[in-house]
Amino acid sequence: MNLRLLALAATAATALVAGSANAAVVFTFMPGGASPAGGFTVVDTFDNAAGLTGSNFQIKVPPADGAGAPPANSIPSGTPYLSVLGGGSATYPFAGDVSGFEFDWGSVDSYNTLTINSTGSDPVVIPGLSFPNAANGNQVDAGTNGLFRVVGTDGEHFNSITFSSSQNSFEVDNLAVAGVPEPASWALMILGIGGAGAALRGQRRRQLVPALA
């Protein structure tokens, strides 16, 4: 990333954090950045529509056409992505205790809308309105193709998000989350730790038996 891009990213992040300083949710847009960043785990690469509800959206593959363009910042490039068409919406429910999420947002447009369903307020993110962005739909420029991140503060957690658009299109890829593991994950971790402990105790007993004999 060159110095111009770094400066642009820093400016965008600073403006967004300052604008959200009194809220329980902080938005950050990193021009040219790609998901996942450190501390986040990808939960959906949008290779199919599994888990999504809504209408008038597509799972698309490059090249670009009138129904969407792949986020220029996504890694790897050339893979399927979510495209929400005009008048459509797609809702993704989060599993577990999610305190932050991020995704690759392509060709950001002023008619794209992200609605966040959370444990506190439910922010609505509109490019050029609720956060500063060029939002001119450019399909290759870093300023409109980057990593968009939402982080909860003061205990805020997220239940689901809805991508909607009044025109073609809202393009998204590589949705990633950060947060506390689900109860099922905790159970598996505990079982794993318990199993490892039992194995170690068994090994110690086998080592002691010959010595006592």
Foldseek 3Di string as FASTA:
>chain_A
DDPVLVVVQVVQQVQQCVLCVVDQKTKGWRQLAEPDDPQKDFDFQLLDQPQKDKDQKDFDFDDDDQQGHAQQSYPPHRGTWIKHFAPIKIKHFDAAWFFKKKWWWFQAAQQKWKWWAKPDDIDIDGECPSGDAPRPRDGHGSRHTTMMMMGGHPRMTTTMMMIHGNHTTTIIGRMITHDDDHPVVVVVVVVVVVVVVVVVVVVVVVVVVVVVD
